[in-house]
């Protein structure tokens, strides 16, 4: 599990750490998902 607050504050550092492990950068896509989820009801009951 990753700390979304750290990714928001340090996207380049997060991507660099993934790169050191041979993984593709994904901070931008994670932040886009996080932004989309921000308006959703955590219980899945909108309205």
N, C-alpha and C. Protein backbone atom coordinates (compact mmCIF):
# COMPACT_ATOMS: atom_id res chain seq x y z
N UNK A 1 0.85 -1.17 0.00
CA UNK A 1 0.00 0.00 0.00
C UNK A 1 0.90 1.23 0.00
N UNK A 2 0.46 2.28 -0.70
CA UNK A 2 1.24 3.51 -0.81
C UNK A 2 0.49 4.65 -0.13
N UNK A 3 1.25 5.60 0.38
CA UNK A 3 0.70 6.77 1.05
C UNK A 3 0.33 7.83 0.01
N UNK A 4 -0.97 8.02 -0.21
CA UNK A 4 -1.42 8.95 -1.24
C UNK A 4 -0.98 10.38 -0.93
N UNK A 5 -0.88 10.73 0.34
CA UNK A 5 -0.41 12.07 0.70
C UNK A 5 1.03 12.27 0.23
N UNK A 6 1.88 11.26 0.42
CA UNK A 6 3.26 11.35 -0.05
C UNK A 6 3.30 11.49 -1.56
N UNK A 7 2.47 10.73 -2.26
CA UNK A 7 2.44 10.79 -3.73
C UNK A 7 1.99 12.17 -4.19
N UNK A 8 0.98 12.75 -3.52
CA UNK A 8 0.51 14.10 -3.87
C UNK A 8 1.62 15.13 -3.70
N UNK A 9 2.37 15.01 -2.61
CA UNK A 9 3.39 16.00 -2.29
C UNK A 9 4.71 15.76 -3.02
N UNK A 10 4.97 14.52 -3.44
CA UNK A 10 6.26 14.16 -4.03
C UNK A 10 6.10 13.21 -5.22
N UNK A 11 5.34 13.59 -6.24
CA UNK A 11 5.11 12.66 -7.35
C UNK A 11 6.39 12.24 -8.06
N UNK A 12 7.34 13.15 -8.21
CA UNK A 12 8.59 12.81 -8.90
C UNK A 12 9.41 11.81 -8.08
N UNK A 13 9.45 12.00 -6.78
CA UNK A 13 10.18 11.07 -5.92
C UNK A 13 9.53 9.69 -5.93
N UNK A 14 8.20 9.65 -5.95
CA UNK A 14 7.49 8.38 -6.01
C UNK A 14 7.82 7.66 -7.32
N UNK A 15 7.76 8.39 -8.44
CA UNK A 15 8.07 7.78 -9.73
C UNK A 15 9.53 7.32 -9.79
N UNK A 16 10.43 8.10 -9.19
CA UNK A 16 11.85 7.71 -9.17
C UNK A 16 12.04 6.42 -8.38
N UNK A 17 11.31 6.26 -7.28
CA UNK A 17 11.45 5.03 -6.50
C UNK A 17 10.90 3.83 -7.27
N UNK A 18 9.85 4.04 -8.04
CA UNK A 18 9.33 2.95 -8.88
C UNK A 18 10.35 2.60 -9.96
N UNK A 19 10.95 3.62 -10.54
CA UNK A 19 11.94 3.40 -11.59
C UNK A 19 13.13 2.58 -11.09
N UNK A 20 13.56 2.85 -9.86
CA UNK A 20 14.67 2.08 -9.28
C UNK A 20 14.32 0.60 -9.14
N UNK A 21 13.04 0.31 -9.08
CA UNK A 21 12.58 -1.08 -8.96
C UNK A 21 12.22 -1.67 -10.32
N UNK A 22 12.47 -0.91 -11.39
CA UNK A 22 12.19 -1.39 -12.73
C UNK A 22 10.73 -1.28 -13.13
N UNK A 23 9.98 -0.41 -12.44
CA UNK A 23 8.56 -0.24 -12.73
C UNK A 23 8.32 1.08 -13.44
N UNK A 24 7.23 1.13 -14.17
CA UNK A 24 6.86 2.35 -14.91
C UNK A 24 6.34 3.41 -13.94
N UNK A 25 6.55 4.69 -14.27
CA UNK A 25 6.01 5.77 -13.44
C UNK A 25 4.49 5.71 -13.43
N UNK A 26 3.89 5.99 -12.29
CA UNK A 26 2.43 5.94 -12.22
C UNK A 26 1.83 6.99 -11.30
N UNK A 27 2.61 7.95 -10.85
CA UNK A 27 2.08 8.98 -9.95
C UNK A 27 0.92 9.73 -10.59
N UNK A 28 1.06 10.12 -11.85
CA UNK A 28 0.01 10.89 -12.52
C UNK A 28 -1.30 10.11 -12.59
N UNK A 29 -1.22 8.83 -12.92
CA UNK A 29 -2.46 8.04 -13.02
C UNK A 29 -3.07 7.80 -11.64
N UNK A 30 -2.24 7.60 -10.62
CA UNK A 30 -2.77 7.43 -9.26
C UNK A 30 -3.43 8.70 -8.76
N UNK A 31 -2.81 9.84 -9.06
CA UNK A 31 -3.40 11.11 -8.63
C UNK A 31 -4.70 11.39 -9.37
N UNK A 32 -4.80 11.00 -10.63
CA UNK A 32 -6.05 11.17 -11.38
C UNK A 32 -7.15 10.30 -10.78
N UNK A 33 -6.80 9.07 -10.41
CA UNK A 33 -7.78 8.20 -9.76
C UNK A 33 -8.21 8.77 -8.42
N UNK A 34 -7.25 9.27 -7.66
CA UNK A 34 -7.54 9.85 -6.35
C UNK A 34 -8.45 11.07 -6.49
N UNK A 35 -8.19 11.89 -7.48
CA UNK A 35 -9.02 13.07 -7.70
C UNK A 35 -10.44 12.67 -8.07
N UNK A 36 -10.59 11.65 -8.88
CA UNK A 36 -11.92 11.16 -9.26
C UNK A 36 -12.66 10.55 -8.09
N UNK A 37 -11.93 9.92 -7.18
CA UNK A 37 -12.55 9.26 -6.03
C UNK A 37 -12.91 10.26 -4.93
N UNK A 38 -12.35 11.45 -4.97
CA UNK A 38 -12.57 12.42 -3.90
C UNK A 38 -14.03 12.82 -3.76
N UNK A 39 -14.79 12.81 -4.84
CA UNK A 39 -16.18 13.21 -4.78
C UNK A 39 -17.14 12.07 -4.52
N UNK A 40 -16.63 10.87 -4.39
CA UNK A 40 -17.50 9.72 -4.20
C UNK A 40 -17.75 9.46 -2.73
N UNK A 41 -18.92 8.90 -2.43
CA UNK A 41 -19.27 8.49 -1.08
C UNK A 41 -18.48 7.22 -0.75
N UNK A 42 -17.72 7.20 0.34
CA UNK A 42 -16.91 6.02 0.66
C UNK A 42 -17.73 4.75 0.83
N UNK A 43 -19.00 4.88 1.18
CA UNK A 43 -19.86 3.72 1.32
C UNK A 43 -20.48 3.27 0.02
N UNK A 44 -20.24 4.04 -1.04
CA UNK A 44 -20.78 3.68 -2.34
C UNK A 44 -22.25 4.04 -2.50
N UNK A 45 -22.76 4.90 -1.61
CA UNK A 45 -24.17 5.27 -1.66
C UNK A 45 -24.28 6.75 -2.00
N UNK A 46 -24.28 7.07 -3.25
CA UNK A 46 -24.42 8.47 -3.67
C UNK A 46 -25.89 8.84 -3.70
N UNK A 47 -26.28 9.69 -2.77
CA UNK A 47 -27.65 10.19 -2.75
C UNK A 47 -28.47 9.44 -1.87
